[in-house]
Amino acid sequence: MYTSIIEIQFQPGKMDEATKMAKGMTPELGQIDGCRQFIVIDQGEDSCLVLALYDSKAQQEAAAPKAQELLGRVGVLAAAAPERKGGDVVVNATF
């Protein structure tokens, strides 16, 4: 499993609007091959952390153009360019 980790700082007061936009994109996210889970974490102070879990790094890389398109939609609300990272998931437990 592989994850994209994206940290976004929004313009003041724009977190709720960004959250609504992200919720509206979930059908499109579900269509991305290999994307198994999409999580948005409100970090407070108009900041969020986005985790997108894929079956493999190759599928994450293949999804990059669509992911960039979707991120661009909420990007108009961002205060700065999002910070992106990625990595192999080494522990994933559901209880």
C-alpha atoms as a PDB file:
ATOM      1  CA  MET A   1       0.000   0.000   0.000  1.00  0.00           C
ATOM      2  CA  TYR A   2       1.160   3.553  -0.748  1.00  0.00           C
ATOM      3  CA  THR A   3      -0.076   6.922   0.471  1.00  0.00           C
ATOM      4  CA  SER A   4      -0.082  10.496  -0.712  1.00  0.00           C
ATOM      5  CA  ILE A   5       0.180  12.929   2.177  1.00  0.00           C
ATOM      6  CA  ILE A   6      -0.838  16.497   1.429  1.00  0.00           C
ATOM      7  CA  GLU A   7      -0.871  19.371   3.907  1.00  0.00           C
ATOM      8  CA  ILE A   8      -2.949  22.395   2.943  1.00  0.00           C
ATOM      9  CA  GLN A   9      -3.139  25.772   4.655  1.00  0.00           C
ATOM     10  CA  PHE A  10      -6.306  27.557   3.595  1.00  0.00           C
ATOM     11  CA  GLN A  11      -7.105  31.229   3.543  1.00  0.00           C
ATOM     12  CA  PRO A  12      -8.676  32.388   6.819  1.00  0.00           C
ATOM     13  CA  GLY A  13     -12.232  31.111   7.182  1.00  0.00           C
ATOM     14  CA  LYS A  14     -12.121  28.860   4.080  1.00  0.00           C
ATOM     15  CA  MET A  15     -11.831  25.431   5.753  1.00  0.00           C
ATOM     16  CA  ASP A  16     -15.590  24.770   5.811  1.00  0.00           C
ATOM     17  CA  GLU A  17     -15.914  25.628   2.118  1.00  0.00           C
ATOM     18  CA  ALA A  18     -12.941  23.399   1.276  1.00  0.00           C
ATOM     19  CA  THR A  19     -14.462  20.548   3.288  1.00  0.00           C
ATOM     20  CA  LYS A  20     -17.729  20.815   1.354  1.00  0.00           C
ATOM     21  CA  MET A  21     -15.799  20.785  -1.923  1.00  0.00           C
ATOM     22  CA  ALA A  22     -13.824  17.696  -0.852  1.00  0.00           C
ATOM     23  CA  LYS A  23     -17.004  15.863   0.139  1.00  0.00           C
ATOM     24  CA  GLY A  24     -18.450  16.672  -3.273  1.00  0.00           C
ATOM     25  CA  MET A  25     -15.425  15.114  -4.978  1.00  0.00           C
ATOM     26  CA  THR A  26     -15.715  11.725  -3.276  1.00  0.00           C
ATOM     27  CA  PRO A  27     -17.543  10.060  -6.208  1.00  0.00           C
ATOM     28  CA  GLU A  28     -14.696  11.077  -8.541  1.00  0.00           C
ATOM     29  CA  LEU A  29     -12.070   9.954  -6.038  1.00  0.00           C
ATOM     30  CA  GLY A  30     -13.772   6.569  -5.854  1.00  0.00           C
ATOM     31  CA  GLN A  31     -13.321   6.207  -9.620  1.00  0.00           C
ATOM     32  CA  ILE A  32      -9.518   6.486  -9.431  1.00  0.00           C
ATOM     33  CA  ASP A  33      -7.953   3.086 -10.067  1.00  0.00           C
ATOM     34  CA  GLY A  34      -6.236   1.770  -6.958  1.00  0.00           C
ATOM     35  CA  CYS A  35      -7.393   4.556  -4.633  1.00  0.00           C
ATOM     36  CA  ARG A  36      -8.795   2.722  -1.622  1.00  0.00           C
ATOM     37  CA  GLN A  37      -9.280   5.442   0.957  1.00  0.00           C
ATOM     38  CA  PHE A  38      -9.399   9.236   1.121  1.00  0.00           C
ATOM     39  CA  ILE A  39      -9.123  10.940   4.501  1.00  0.00           C
ATOM     40  CA  VAL A  40      -9.225  14.660   5.316  1.00  0.00           C
ATOM     41  CA  ILE A  41      -8.121  15.659   8.815  1.00  0.00           C
ATOM     42  CA  ASP A  42      -8.965  19.118  10.143  1.00  0.00           C
ATOM     43  CA  GLN A  43      -5.840  20.293  11.978  1.00  0.00           C
ATOM     44  CA  GLY A  44      -7.439  23.542  13.140  1.00  0.00           C
ATOM     45  CA  GLU A  45      -6.514  27.080  12.138  1.00  0.00           C
ATOM     46  CA  ASP A  46      -7.769  26.513   8.558  1.00  0.00           C
ATOM     47  CA  SER A  47      -5.278  23.710   7.963  1.00  0.00           C
ATOM     48  CA  CYS A  48      -5.892  20.137   6.878  1.00  0.00           C
ATOM     49  CA  LEU A  49      -3.989  16.955   6.222  1.00  0.00           C
ATOM     50  CA  VAL A  50      -5.123  14.778   3.321  1.00  0.00           C
ATOM     51  CA  LEU A  51      -4.262  11.077   3.119  1.00  0.00           C
ATOM     52  CA  ALA A  52      -5.018   9.154  -0.058  1.00  0.00           C
ATOM     53  CA  LEU A  53      -4.300   5.434   0.199  1.00  0.00           C
ATOM     54  CA  TYR A  54      -3.519   3.458  -2.956  1.00  0.00           C
ATOM     55  CA  ASP A  55      -2.853  -0.208  -3.612  1.00  0.00           C
ATOM     56  CA  SER A  56       0.594   0.629  -5.007  1.00  0.00           C
ATOM     57  CA  LYS A  57       3.010   3.444  -5.777  1.00  0.00           C
ATOM     58  CA  ALA A  58       2.509   2.780  -9.500  1.00  0.00           C
ATOM     59  CA  GLN A  59      -1.253   3.395  -9.149  1.00  0.00           C
ATOM     60  CA  GLN A  60      -0.615   6.548  -7.120  1.00  0.00           C
ATOM     61  CA  GLU A  61       1.712   7.813  -9.845  1.00  0.00           C
ATOM     62  CA  ALA A  62      -0.795   6.944 -12.582  1.00  0.00           C
ATOM     63  CA  ALA A  63      -3.500   8.818 -10.651  1.00  0.00           C
ATOM     64  CA  ALA A  64      -1.387  11.972 -10.322  1.00  0.00           C
ATOM     65  CA  PRO A  65      -3.012  13.934 -13.190  1.00  0.00           C
ATOM     66  CA  LYS A  66      -6.559  13.334 -11.881  1.00  0.00           C
ATOM     67  CA  ALA A  67      -5.478  13.969  -8.297  1.00  0.00           C
ATOM     68  CA  GLN A  68      -3.830  17.229  -9.372  1.00  0.00           C
ATOM     69  CA  GLU A  69      -7.035  18.282 -11.129  1.00  0.00           C
ATOM     70  CA  LEU A  70      -9.118  17.597  -8.018  1.00  0.00           C
ATOM     71  CA  LEU A  71      -6.618  19.282  -5.710  1.00  0.00           C
ATOM     72  CA  GLY A  72      -6.629  22.296  -8.001  1.00  0.00           C
ATOM     73  CA  ARG A  73     -10.332  22.794  -7.336  1.00  0.00           C
ATOM     74  CA  VAL A  74      -9.771  23.370  -3.628  1.00  0.00           C
ATOM     75  CA  GLY A  75      -6.429  25.016  -4.316  1.00  0.00           C
ATOM     76  CA  VAL A  76      -8.184  28.288  -5.119  1.00  0.00           C
ATOM     77  CA  LEU A  77      -8.976  28.464  -1.381  1.00  0.00           C
ATOM     78  CA  ALA A  78      -5.403  27.758  -0.270  1.00  0.00           C
ATOM     79  CA  ALA A  79      -3.161  30.383   1.276  1.00  0.00           C
ATOM     80  CA  ALA A  80      -0.048  28.725  -0.177  1.00  0.00           C
ATOM     81  CA  ALA A  81       0.895  25.816  -2.410  1.00  0.00           C
ATOM     82  CA  PRO A  82       0.081  22.465  -0.732  1.00  0.00           C
ATOM     83  CA  GLU A  83       2.966  20.422   0.646  1.00  0.00           C
ATOM     84  CA  ARG A  84       3.034  16.900  -0.819  1.00  0.00           C
ATOM     85  CA  LYS A  85       4.780  13.799   0.384  1.00  0.00           C
ATOM     86  CA  GLY A  86       4.266  10.104  -0.074  1.00  0.00           C
ATOM     87  CA  GLY A  87       5.373   6.813   1.308  1.00  0.00           C
ATOM     88  CA  ASP A  88       4.825   3.124   1.774  1.00  0.00           C
ATOM     89  CA  VAL A  89       2.247   2.192   4.394  1.00  0.00           C
ATOM     90  CA  VAL A  90       4.019  -0.107   6.838  1.00  0.00           C
ATOM     91  CA  VAL A  91       1.196  -0.538   9.398  1.00  0.00           C
ATOM     92  CA  ASN A  92      -2.514  -0.240   8.662  1.00  0.00           C
ATOM     93  CA  ALA A  93      -4.762  -1.675  11.350  1.00  0.00           C
ATOM     94  CA  THR A  94      -8.507  -1.267  11.674  1.00  0.00           C
ATOM     95  CA  PHE A  95     -10.148  -2.133  14.990  1.00  0.00           C
END
